[in-house]
Amino acid sequence: TTPIETAAGMAFPFRTAVLLSSIGKIGGALLQYVATKYLLSSYARRKMKNNDWMDKIRGSFRHHPYGVALIWRFGPLPEFVKNVCPALVPALRTRYQTAA
């Protein structure tokens, strides 16, 4: 996404570029999360039923939801991983649910 953001910064005035880039990034992330959560989650969960990594991710979200949410958001992970993996974790029933 860096080349596209750089091109948008050069093609538009600063405020317009920031606005368009923000709308694109937030909209794309939201669309990817919602599509995974509501359209692809049952298929993906079936495929990764016995996957050790998904078990570890699920356990981490269950035991430390706030810390894991921060690590996922600000860690050096690809955007795809940041949006898709949390969508495959069942909804948390804790006070930190909104953070995760």
PDB file of N, CA and C in Angstrom:
ATOM      1  N   THR A   1       0.803  -1.196   0.000  1.00  0.00           N
ATOM      2  CA  THR A   1       0.000   0.000   0.000  1.00  0.00           C
ATOM      3  C   THR A   1       0.850   1.266   0.000  1.00  0.00           C
ATOM      4  N   THR A   2       2.115   1.132   0.335  1.00  0.00           N
ATOM      5  CA  THR A   2       2.960   2.328   0.412  1.00  0.00           C
ATOM      6  C   THR A   2       3.064   3.061  -0.914  1.00  0.00           C
ATOM      7  N   PRO A   3       3.268   2.392  -2.062  1.00  0.00           N
ATOM      8  CA  PRO A   3       3.328   3.147  -3.321  1.00  0.00           C
ATOM      9  C   PRO A   3       2.030   3.877  -3.640  1.00  0.00           C
ATOM     10  N   ILE A   4       0.898   3.276  -3.320  1.00  0.00           N
ATOM     11  CA  ILE A   4      -0.385   3.918  -3.595  1.00  0.00           C
ATOM     12  C   ILE A   4      -0.573   5.135  -2.700  1.00  0.00           C
ATOM     13  N   GLU A   5      -0.206   5.019  -1.433  1.00  0.00           N
ATOM     14  CA  GLU A   5      -0.321   6.157  -0.521  1.00  0.00           C
ATOM     15  C   GLU A   5       0.622   7.286  -0.933  1.00  0.00           C
ATOM     16  N   THR A   6       1.813   6.929  -1.370  1.00  0.00           N
ATOM     17  CA  THR A   6       2.764   7.941  -1.821  1.00  0.00           C
ATOM     18  C   THR A   6       2.243   8.641  -3.068  1.00  0.00           C
ATOM     19  N   ALA A   7       1.687   7.873  -3.993  1.00  0.00           N
ATOM     20  CA  ALA A   7       1.132   8.472  -5.213  1.00  0.00           C
ATOM     21  C   ALA A   7      -0.048   9.376  -4.882  1.00  0.00           C
ATOM     22  N   ALA A   8      -0.890   8.961  -3.940  1.00  0.00           N
ATOM     23  CA  ALA A   8      -2.021   9.802  -3.544  1.00  0.00           C
ATOM     24  C   ALA A   8      -1.528  11.092  -2.911  1.00  0.00           C
ATOM     25  N   GLY A   9      -0.450  11.005  -2.149  1.00  0.00           N
ATOM     26  CA  GLY A   9       0.119  12.196  -1.533  1.00  0.00           C
ATOM     27  C   GLY A   9       0.671  13.174  -2.545  1.00  0.00           C
ATOM     28  N   MET A  10       1.150  12.669  -3.652  1.00  0.00           N
ATOM     29  CA  MET A  10       1.694  13.540  -4.704  1.00  0.00           C
ATOM     30  C   MET A  10       0.600  14.057  -5.632  1.00  0.00           C
ATOM     31  N   ALA A  11      -0.472  13.285  -5.793  1.00  0.00           N
ATOM     32  CA  ALA A  11      -1.504  13.659  -6.761  1.00  0.00           C
ATOM     33  C   ALA A  11      -2.545  14.621  -6.191  1.00  0.00           C
ATOM     34  N   PHE A  12      -2.724  14.597  -4.885  1.00  0.00           N
ATOM     35  CA  PHE A  12      -3.746  15.420  -4.258  1.00  0.00           C
ATOM     36  C   PHE A  12      -3.120  16.359  -3.239  1.00  0.00           C
ATOM     37  N   PRO A  13      -3.837  17.407  -2.887  1.00  0.00           N
ATOM     38  CA  PRO A  13      -3.364  18.248  -1.784  1.00  0.00           C
ATOM     39  C   PRO A  13      -3.298  17.426  -0.490  1.00  0.00           C
ATOM     40  N   PHE A  14      -2.499  17.893   0.457  1.00  0.00           N
ATOM     41  CA  PHE A  14      -2.220  17.125   1.679  1.00  0.00           C
ATOM     42  C   PHE A  14      -3.493  16.673   2.395  1.00  0.00           C
ATOM     43  N   ARG A  15      -4.399  17.581   2.668  1.00  0.00           N
ATOM     44  CA  ARG A  15      -5.611  17.218   3.422  1.00  0.00           C
ATOM     45  C   ARG A  15      -6.459  16.202   2.674  1.00  0.00           C
ATOM     46  N   THR A  16      -6.600  16.385   1.378  1.00  0.00           N
ATOM     47  CA  THR A  16      -7.386  15.450   0.563  1.00  0.00           C
ATOM     48  C   THR A  16      -6.716  14.081   0.535  1.00  0.00           C
ATOM     49  N   ALA A  17      -5.391  14.062   0.408  1.00  0.00           N
ATOM     50  CA  ALA A  17      -4.658  12.797   0.368  1.00  0.00           C
ATOM     51  C   ALA A  17      -4.807  12.040   1.692  1.00  0.00           C
ATOM     52  N   VAL A  18      -4.689  12.747   2.803  1.00  0.00           N
ATOM     53  CA  VAL A  18      -4.841  12.103   4.109  1.00  0.00           C
ATOM     54  C   VAL A  18      -6.263  11.561   4.264  1.00  0.00           C
ATOM     55  N   LEU A  19      -7.242  12.337   3.894  1.00  0.00           N
ATOM     56  CA  LEU A  19      -8.637  11.911   3.998  1.00  0.00           C
ATOM     57  C   LEU A  19      -8.903  10.672   3.139  1.00  0.00           C
ATOM     58  N   LEU A  20      -8.491  10.714   1.874  1.00  0.00           N
ATOM     59  CA  LEU A  20      -8.733   9.577   0.978  1.00  0.00           C
ATOM     60  C   LEU A  20      -7.982   8.331   1.423  1.00  0.00           C
ATOM     61  N   SER A  21      -6.753   8.520   1.866  1.00  0.00           N
ATOM     62  CA  SER A  21      -5.967   7.384   2.336  1.00  0.00           C
ATOM     63  C   SER A  21      -6.596   6.768   3.583  1.00  0.00           C
ATOM     64  N   SER A  22      -7.058   7.609   4.492  1.00  0.00           N
ATOM     65  CA  SER A  22      -7.689   7.110   5.712  1.00  0.00           C
ATOM     66  C   SER A  22      -8.980   6.360   5.401  1.00  0.00           C
ATOM     67  N   ILE A  23      -9.787   6.919   4.551  1.00  0.00           N
ATOM     68  CA  ILE A  23     -11.034   6.258   4.168  1.00  0.00           C
ATOM     69  C   ILE A  23     -10.741   4.913   3.506  1.00  0.00           C
ATOM     70  N   GLY A  24      -9.759   4.884   2.632  1.00  0.00           N
ATOM     71  CA  GLY A  24      -9.403   3.644   1.946  1.00  0.00           C
ATOM     72  C   GLY A  24      -8.877   2.577   2.882  1.00  0.00           C
ATOM     73  N   LYS A  25      -7.985   2.955   3.790  1.00  0.00           N
ATOM     74  CA  LYS A  25      -7.406   1.980   4.711  1.00  0.00           C
ATOM     75  C   LYS A  25      -8.445   1.460   5.705  1.00  0.00           C
ATOM     76  N   ILE A  26      -9.211   2.363   6.283  1.00  0.00           N
ATOM     77  CA  ILE A  26     -10.221   1.937   7.255  1.00  0.00           C
ATOM     78  C   ILE A  26     -11.328   1.136   6.573  1.00  0.00           C
ATOM     79  N   GLY A  27     -11.777   1.611   5.423  1.00  0.00           N
ATOM     80  CA  GLY A  27     -12.816   0.900   4.685  1.00  0.00           C
ATOM     81  C   GLY A  27     -12.367  -0.478   4.239  1.00  0.00           C
ATOM     82  N   GLY A  28     -11.152  -0.571   3.740  1.00  0.00           N
ATOM     83  CA  GLY A  28     -10.624  -1.861   3.289  1.00  0.00           C
ATOM     84  C   GLY A  28     -10.458  -2.845   4.437  1.00  0.00           C
ATOM     85  N   ALA A  29      -9.929  -2.359   5.565  1.00  0.00           N
ATOM     86  CA  ALA A  29      -9.751  -3.227   6.725  1.00  0.00           C
ATOM     87  C   ALA A  29     -11.095  -3.703   7.261  1.00  0.00           C
ATOM     88  N   LEU A  30     -12.056  -2.795   7.329  1.00  0.00           N
ATOM     89  CA  LEU A  30     -13.386  -3.151   7.818  1.00  0.00           C
ATOM     90  C   LEU A  30     -14.068  -4.152   6.887  1.00  0.00           C
ATOM     91  N   LEU A  31     -13.966  -3.916   5.602  1.00  0.00           N
ATOM     92  CA  LEU A  31     -14.562  -4.828   4.630  1.00  0.00           C
ATOM     93  C   LEU A  31     -13.931  -6.214   4.719  1.00  0.00           C
ATOM     94  N   GLN A  32     -12.610  -6.267   4.850  1.00  0.00           N
ATOM     95  CA  GLN A  32     -11.919  -7.549   4.956  1.00  0.00           C
ATOM     96  C   GLN A  32     -12.320  -8.282   6.239  1.00  0.00           C
ATOM     97  N   TYR A  33     -12.386  -7.558   7.348  1.00  0.00           N
ATOM     98  CA  TYR A  33     -12.779  -8.167   8.624  1.00  0.00           C
ATOM     99  C   TYR A  33     -14.208  -8.701   8.561  1.00  0.00           C
ATOM    100  N   VAL A  34     -15.128  -7.879   8.067  1.00  0.00           N
ATOM    101  CA  VAL A  34     -16.539  -8.282   8.012  1.00  0.00           C
ATOM    102  C   VAL A  34     -16.729  -9.463   7.051  1.00  0.00           C
ATOM    103  N   ALA A  35     -16.070  -9.421   5.908  1.00  0.00           N
ATOM    104  CA  ALA A  35     -16.184 -10.532   4.955  1.00  0.00           C
ATOM    105  C   ALA A  35     -15.665 -11.827   5.564  1.00  0.00           C
ATOM    106  N   THR A  36     -14.542 -11.738   6.280  1.00  0.00           N
ATOM    107  CA  THR A  36     -13.998 -12.935   6.913  1.00  0.00           C
ATOM    108  C   THR A  36     -14.894 -13.410   8.043  1.00  0.00           C
ATOM    109  N   LYS A  37     -15.345 -12.489   8.868  1.00  0.00           N
ATOM    110  CA  LYS A  37     -16.143 -12.839  10.053  1.00  0.00           C
ATOM    111  C   LYS A  37     -17.485 -13.469   9.686  1.00  0.00           C
ATOM    112  N   TYR A  38     -18.154 -12.903   8.679  1.00  0.00           N
ATOM    113  CA  TYR A  38     -19.524 -13.337   8.401  1.00  0.00           C
ATOM    114  C   TYR A  38     -19.696 -14.193   7.147  1.00  0.00           C
ATOM    115  N   LEU A  39     -18.740 -14.157   6.242  1.00  0.00           N
ATOM    116  CA  LEU A  39     -18.892 -14.949   5.015  1.00  0.00           C
ATOM    117  C   LEU A  39     -17.946 -16.142   4.941  1.00  0.00           C
ATOM    118  N   LEU A  40     -16.736 -15.997   5.451  1.00  0.00           N
ATOM    119  CA  LEU A  40     -15.727 -17.033   5.271  1.00  0.00           C
ATOM    120  C   LEU A  40     -15.328 -17.750   6.548  1.00  0.00           C
ATOM    121  N   SER A  41     -15.829 -17.315   7.700  1.00  0.00           N
ATOM    122  CA  SER A  41     -15.321 -17.860   8.963  1.00  0.00           C
ATOM    123  C   SER A  41     -15.624 -19.343   9.138  1.00  0.00           C
ATOM    124  N   SER A  42     -16.805 -19.800   8.785  1.00  0.00           N
ATOM    125  CA  SER A  42     -17.118 -21.218   8.979  1.00  0.00           C
ATOM    126  C   SER A  42     -16.224 -22.097   8.112  1.00  0.00           C
ATOM    127  N   TYR A  43     -15.973 -21.684   6.875  1.00  0.00           N
ATOM    128  CA  TYR A  43     -15.081 -22.437   5.990  1.00  0.00           C
ATOM    129  C   TYR A  43     -13.653 -22.437   6.531  1.00  0.00           C
ATOM    130  N   ALA A  44     -13.172 -21.253   6.932  1.00  0.00           N
ATOM    131  CA  ALA A  44     -11.801 -21.140   7.425  1.00  0.00           C
ATOM    132  C   ALA A  44     -11.622 -21.908   8.734  1.00  0.00           C
ATOM    133  N   ARG A  45     -12.608 -21.866   9.624  1.00  0.00           N
ATOM    134  CA  ARG A  45     -12.509 -22.605  10.885  1.00  0.00           C
ATOM    135  C   ARG A  45     -12.473 -24.107  10.646  1.00  0.00           C
ATOM    136  N   ARG A  46     -13.260 -24.579   9.677  1.00  0.00           N
ATOM    137  CA  ARG A  46     -13.220 -26.008   9.330  1.00  0.00           C
ATOM    138  C   ARG A  46     -11.845 -26.388   8.815  1.00  0.00           C
ATOM    139  N   LYS A  47     -11.270 -25.557   7.950  1.00  0.00           N
ATOM    140  CA  LYS A  47      -9.967 -25.859   7.362  1.00  0.00           C
ATOM    141  C   LYS A  47      -8.848 -25.825   8.405  1.00  0.00           C
ATOM    142  N   MET A  48      -8.989 -24.952   9.412  1.00  0.00           N
ATOM    143  CA  MET A  48      -7.930 -24.796  10.414  1.00  0.00           C
ATOM    144  C   MET A  48      -8.319 -25.389  11.761  1.00  0.00           C
ATOM    145  N   LYS A  49      -9.148 -26.398  11.727  1.00  0.00           N
ATOM    146  CA  LYS A  49      -9.656 -27.003  12.955  1.00  0.00           C
ATOM    147  C   LYS A  49      -8.532 -27.554  13.831  1.00  0.00           C
ATOM    148  N   ASN A  50      -7.589 -28.237  13.263  1.00  0.00           N
ATOM    149  CA  ASN A  50      -6.500 -28.855  14.025  1.00  0.00           C
ATOM    150  C   ASN A  50      -5.182 -28.099  13.866  1.00  0.00           C
ATOM    151  N   ASN A  51      -5.259 -26.828  13.561  1.00  0.00           N
ATOM    152  CA  ASN A  51      -4.067 -26.019  13.360  1.00  0.00           C
ATOM    153  C   ASN A  51      -3.540 -25.517  14.702  1.00  0.00           C
ATOM    154  N   ASP A  52      -2.267 -25.821  15.006  1.00  0.00           N
ATOM    155  CA  ASP A  52      -1.678 -25.421  16.287  1.00  0.00           C
ATOM    156  C   ASP A  52      -1.622 -23.914  16.444  1.00  0.00           C
ATOM    157  N   TRP A  53      -1.339 -23.193  15.363  1.00  0.00           N
ATOM    158  CA  TRP A  53      -1.235 -21.735  15.449  1.00  0.00           C
ATOM    159  C   TRP A  53      -2.582 -21.098  15.792  1.00  0.00           C
ATOM    160  N   MET A  54      -3.638 -21.583  15.195  1.00  0.00           N
ATOM    161  CA  MET A  54      -4.955 -21.024  15.500  1.00  0.00           C
ATOM    162  C   MET A  54      -5.354 -21.323  16.946  1.00  0.00           C
ATOM    163  N   ASP A  55      -4.974 -22.494  17.447  1.00  0.00           N
ATOM    164  CA  ASP A  55      -5.250 -22.806  18.850  1.00  0.00           C
ATOM    165  C   ASP A  55      -4.511 -21.838  19.771  1.00  0.00           C
ATOM    166  N   LYS A  56      -3.273 -21.519  19.435  1.00  0.00           N
ATOM    167  CA  LYS A  56      -2.496 -20.575  20.242  1.00  0.00           C
ATOM    168  C   LYS A  56      -3.087 -19.166  20.170  1.00  0.00           C
ATOM    169  N   ILE A  57      -3.503 -18.759  18.978  1.00  0.00           N
ATOM    170  CA  ILE A  57      -4.116 -17.436  18.808  1.00  0.00           C
ATOM    171  C   ILE A  57      -5.412 -17.351  19.606  1.00  0.00           C
ATOM    172  N   ARG A  58      -6.242 -18.376  19.510  1.00  0.00           N
ATOM    173  CA  ARG A  58      -7.508 -18.415  20.239  1.00  0.00           C
ATOM    174  C   ARG A  58      -7.269 -18.349  21.747  1.00  0.00           C
ATOM    175  N   GLY A  59      -6.295 -19.107  22.234  1.00  0.00           N
ATOM    176  CA  GLY A  59      -5.969 -19.092  23.658  1.00  0.00           C
ATOM    177  C   GLY A  59      -5.442 -17.743  24.116  1.00  0.00           C
ATOM    178  N   SER A  60      -4.624 -17.119  23.290  1.00  0.00           N
ATOM    179  CA  SER A  60      -4.091 -15.796  23.642  1.00  0.00           C
ATOM    180  C   SER A  60      -5.203 -14.774  23.747  1.00  0.00           C
ATOM    181  N   PHE A  61      -6.110 -14.762  22.791  1.00  0.00           N
ATOM    182  CA  PHE A  61      -7.232 -13.831  22.840  1.00  0.00           C
ATOM    183  C   PHE A  61      -8.130 -14.094  24.055  1.00  0.00           C
ATOM    184  N   ARG A  62      -8.266 -15.357  24.436  1.00  0.00           N
ATOM    185  CA  ARG A  62      -9.128 -15.695  25.563  1.00  0.00           C
ATOM    186  C   ARG A  62      -8.515 -15.247  26.895  1.00  0.00           C
ATOM    187  N   HIS A  63      -7.196 -15.406  27.051  1.00  0.00           N
ATOM    188  CA  HIS A  63      -6.560 -15.125  28.345  1.00  0.00           C
ATOM    189  C   HIS A  63      -6.085 -13.683  28.505  1.00  0.00           C
ATOM    190  N   HIS A  64      -5.679 -13.043  27.425  1.00  0.00           N
ATOM    191  CA  HIS A  64      -5.148 -11.676  27.493  1.00  0.00           C
ATOM    192  C   HIS A  64      -5.712 -10.829  26.353  1.00  0.00           C
ATOM    193  N   PRO A  65      -7.007 -10.603  26.319  1.00  0.00           N
ATOM    194  CA  PRO A  65      -7.618  -9.963  25.147  1.00  0.00           C
ATOM    195  C   PRO A  65      -7.111  -8.548  24.876  1.00  0.00           C
ATOM    196  N   TYR A  66      -6.941  -7.736  25.903  1.00  0.00           N
ATOM    197  CA  TYR A  66      -6.525  -6.350  25.694  1.00  0.00           C
ATOM    198  C   TYR A  66      -5.087  -6.283  25.168  1.00  0.00           C
ATOM    199  N   GLY A  67      -4.193  -6.993  25.816  1.00  0.00           N
ATOM    200  CA  GLY A  67      -2.786  -6.994  25.382  1.00  0.00           C
ATOM    201  C   GLY A  67      -2.610  -7.570  23.990  1.00  0.00           C
ATOM    202  N   VAL A  68      -3.311  -8.644  23.699  1.00  0.00           N
ATOM    203  CA  VAL A  68      -3.201  -9.272  22.380  1.00  0.00           C
ATOM    204  C   VAL A  68      -3.775  -8.355  21.299  1.00  0.00           C
ATOM    205  N   ALA A  69      -4.876  -7.664  21.620  1.00  0.00           N
ATOM    206  CA  ALA A  69      -5.458  -6.732  20.646  1.00  0.00           C
ATOM    207  C   ALA A  69      -4.460  -5.625  20.317  1.00  0.00           C
ATOM    208  N   LEU A  70      -3.765  -5.107  21.323  1.00  0.00           N
ATOM    209  CA  LEU A  70      -2.759  -4.070  21.076  1.00  0.00           C
ATOM    210  C   LEU A  70      -1.589  -4.602  20.262  1.00  0.00           C
ATOM    211  N   ILE A  71      -1.124  -5.796  20.578  1.00  0.00           N
ATOM    212  CA  ILE A  71      -0.022  -6.390  19.821  1.00  0.00           C
ATOM    213  C   ILE A  71      -0.420  -6.609  18.363  1.00  0.00           C
ATOM    214  N   TRP A  72      -1.638  -7.104  18.144  1.00  0.00           N
ATOM    215  CA  TRP A  72      -2.100  -7.346  16.778  1.00  0.00           C
ATOM    216  C   TRP A  72      -2.224  -6.045  15.996  1.00  0.00           C
ATOM    217  N   ARG A  73      -2.713  -4.996  16.645  1.00  0.00           N
ATOM    218  CA  ARG A  73      -2.902  -3.717  15.949  1.00  0.00           C
ATOM    219  C   ARG A  73      -1.592  -3.024  15.644  1.00  0.00           C
ATOM    220  N   PHE A  74      -0.654  -3.021  16.602  1.00  0.00           N
ATOM    221  CA  PHE A  74       0.564  -2.225  16.447  1.00  0.00           C
ATOM    222  C   PHE A  74       1.800  -3.055  16.142  1.00  0.00           C
ATOM    223  N   GLY A  75       1.667  -4.365  16.077  1.00  0.00           N
ATOM    224  CA  GLY A  75       2.808  -5.228  15.793  1.00  0.00           C
ATOM    225  C   GLY A  75       3.172  -5.230  14.315  1.00  0.00           C
ATOM    226  N   PRO A  76       4.364  -5.742  14.008  1.00  0.00           N
ATOM    227  CA  PRO A  76       4.838  -5.769  12.610  1.00  0.00           C
ATOM    228  C   PRO A  76       4.273  -6.955  11.830  1.00  0.00           C
ATOM    229  N   LEU A  77       2.966  -7.056  11.804  1.00  0.00           N
ATOM    230  CA  LEU A  77       2.299  -8.126  11.068  1.00  0.00           C
ATOM    231  C   LEU A  77       1.721  -7.568   9.781  1.00  0.00           C
ATOM    232  N   PRO A  78       1.613  -8.372   8.746  1.00  0.00           N
ATOM    233  CA  PRO A  78       0.955  -7.909   7.517  1.00  0.00           C
ATOM    234  C   PRO A  78      -0.499  -7.535   7.788  1.00  0.00           C
ATOM    235  N   GLU A  79      -1.008  -6.561   7.062  1.00  0.00           N
ATOM    236  CA  GLU A  79      -2.381  -6.094   7.256  1.00  0.00           C
ATOM    237  C   GLU A  79      -3.388  -7.235   7.104  1.00  0.00           C
ATOM    238  N   PHE A  80      -3.129  -8.139   6.179  1.00  0.00           N
ATOM    239  CA  PHE A  80      -4.031  -9.278   5.974  1.00  0.00           C
ATOM    240  C   PHE A  80      -4.167 -10.085   7.265  1.00  0.00           C
ATOM    241  N   VAL A  81      -3.046 -10.367   7.909  1.00  0.00           N
ATOM    242  CA  VAL A  81      -3.052 -11.151   9.147  1.00  0.00           C
ATOM    243  C   VAL A  81      -3.754 -10.377  10.254  1.00  0.00           C
ATOM    244  N   LYS A  82      -3.512  -9.065  10.331  1.00  0.00           N
ATOM    245  CA  LYS A  82      -4.134  -8.235  11.368  1.00  0.00           C
ATOM    246  C   LYS A  82      -5.653  -8.214  11.249  1.00  0.00           C
ATOM    247  N   ASN A  83      -6.175  -8.318  10.051  1.00  0.00           N
ATOM    248  CA  ASN A  83      -7.617  -8.235   9.841  1.00  0.00           C
ATOM    249  C   ASN A  83      -8.306  -9.593   9.849  1.00  0.00           C
ATOM    250  N   VAL A  84      -7.642 -10.611   9.337  1.00  0.00           N
ATOM    251  CA  VAL A  84      -8.293 -11.905   9.155  1.00  0.00           C
ATOM    252  C   VAL A  84      -8.255 -12.767  10.410  1.00  0.00           C
ATOM    253  N   CYS A  85      -7.109 -12.891  11.061  1.00  0.00           N
ATOM    254  CA  CYS A  85      -7.014 -13.794  12.217  1.00  0.00           C
ATOM    255  C   CYS A  85      -7.949 -13.408  13.361  1.00  0.00           C
ATOM    256  N   PRO A  86      -8.029 -12.140  13.762  1.00  0.00           N
ATOM    257  CA  PRO A  86      -9.000 -11.822  14.825  1.00  0.00           C
ATOM    258  C   PRO A  86     -10.447 -12.101  14.419  1.00  0.00           C
ATOM    259  N   ALA A  87     -10.743 -12.059  13.144  1.00  0.00           N
ATOM    260  CA  ALA A  87     -12.097 -12.351  12.688  1.00  0.00           C
ATOM    261  C   ALA A  87     -12.436 -13.829  12.829  1.00  0.00           C
ATOM    262  N   LEU A  88     -11.421 -14.685  12.907  1.00  0.00           N
ATOM    263  CA  LEU A  88     -11.652 -16.124  13.032  1.00  0.00           C
ATOM    264  C   LEU A  88     -11.759 -16.578  14.476  1.00  0.00           C
ATOM    265  N   VAL A  89     -11.460 -15.685  15.413  1.00  0.00           N
ATOM    266  CA  VAL A  89     -11.548 -16.017  16.835  1.00  0.00           C
ATOM    267  C   VAL A  89     -12.983 -15.783  17.286  1.00  0.00           C
ATOM    268  N   PRO A  90     -13.560 -16.729  18.025  1.00  0.00           N
ATOM    269  CA  PRO A  90     -14.934 -16.522  18.514  1.00  0.00           C
ATOM    270  C   PRO A  90     -15.033 -15.257  19.356  1.00  0.00           C
ATOM    271  N   ALA A  91     -16.197 -14.667  19.389  1.00  0.00           N
ATOM    272  CA  ALA A  91     -16.416 -13.428  20.138  1.00  0.00           C
ATOM    273  C   ALA A  91     -16.104 -13.631  21.611  1.00  0.00           C
ATOM    274  N   LEU A  92     -15.411 -12.668  22.188  1.00  0.00           N
ATOM    275  CA  LEU A  92     -15.062 -12.726  23.600  1.00  0.00           C
ATOM    276  C   LEU A  92     -16.223 -12.227  24.441  1.00  0.00           C
ATOM    277  N   ARG A  93     -16.355 -12.749  25.620  1.00  0.00           N
ATOM    278  CA  ARG A  93     -17.411 -12.319  26.541  1.00  0.00           C
ATOM    279  C   ARG A  93     -16.775 -11.701  27.789  1.00  0.00           C
ATOM    280  N   THR A  94     -15.922 -10.713  27.580  1.00  0.00           N
ATOM    281  CA  THR A  94     -15.265 -10.050  28.696  1.00  0.00           C
ATOM    282  C   THR A  94     -15.461  -8.549  28.596  1.00  0.00           C
ATOM    283  N   ARG A  95     -14.999  -7.825  29.598  1.00  0.00           N
ATOM    284  CA  ARG A  95     -15.100  -6.382  29.547  1.00  0.00           C
ATOM    285  C   ARG A  95     -14.158  -5.781  28.517  1.00  0.00           C
ATOM    286  N   TYR A  96     -13.202  -6.561  28.027  1.00  0.00           N
ATOM    287  CA  TYR A  96     -12.263  -6.083  27.027  1.00  0.00           C
ATOM    288  C   TYR A  96     -12.714  -6.417  25.603  1.00  0.00           C
ATOM    289  N   GLN A  97     -13.916  -6.892  25.464  1.00  0.00           N
ATOM    290  CA  GLN A  97     -14.400  -7.362  24.160  1.00  0.00           C
ATOM    291  C   GLN A  97     -14.294  -6.295  23.085  1.00  0.00           C
ATOM    292  N   THR A  98     -14.569  -5.064  23.394  1.00  0.00           N
ATOM    293  CA  THR A  98     -14.515  -4.000  22.388  1.00  0.00           C
ATOM    294  C   THR A  98     -13.094  -3.724  21.944  1.00  0.00           C
ATOM    295  N   ALA A  99     -12.102  -3.953  22.817  1.00  0.00           N
ATOM    296  CA  ALA A  99     -10.718  -3.709  22.441  1.00  0.00           C
ATOM    297  C   ALA A  99     -10.192  -4.765  21.486  1.00  0.00           C
ATOM    298  N   ALA A 100     -10.679  -5.987  21.625  1.00  0.00           N
ATOM    299  CA  ALA A 100     -10.180  -7.057  20.778  1.00  0.00           C
ATOM    300  C   ALA A 100     -10.979  -7.091  19.508  1.00  0.00           C
TER     301      ALA A 100
END
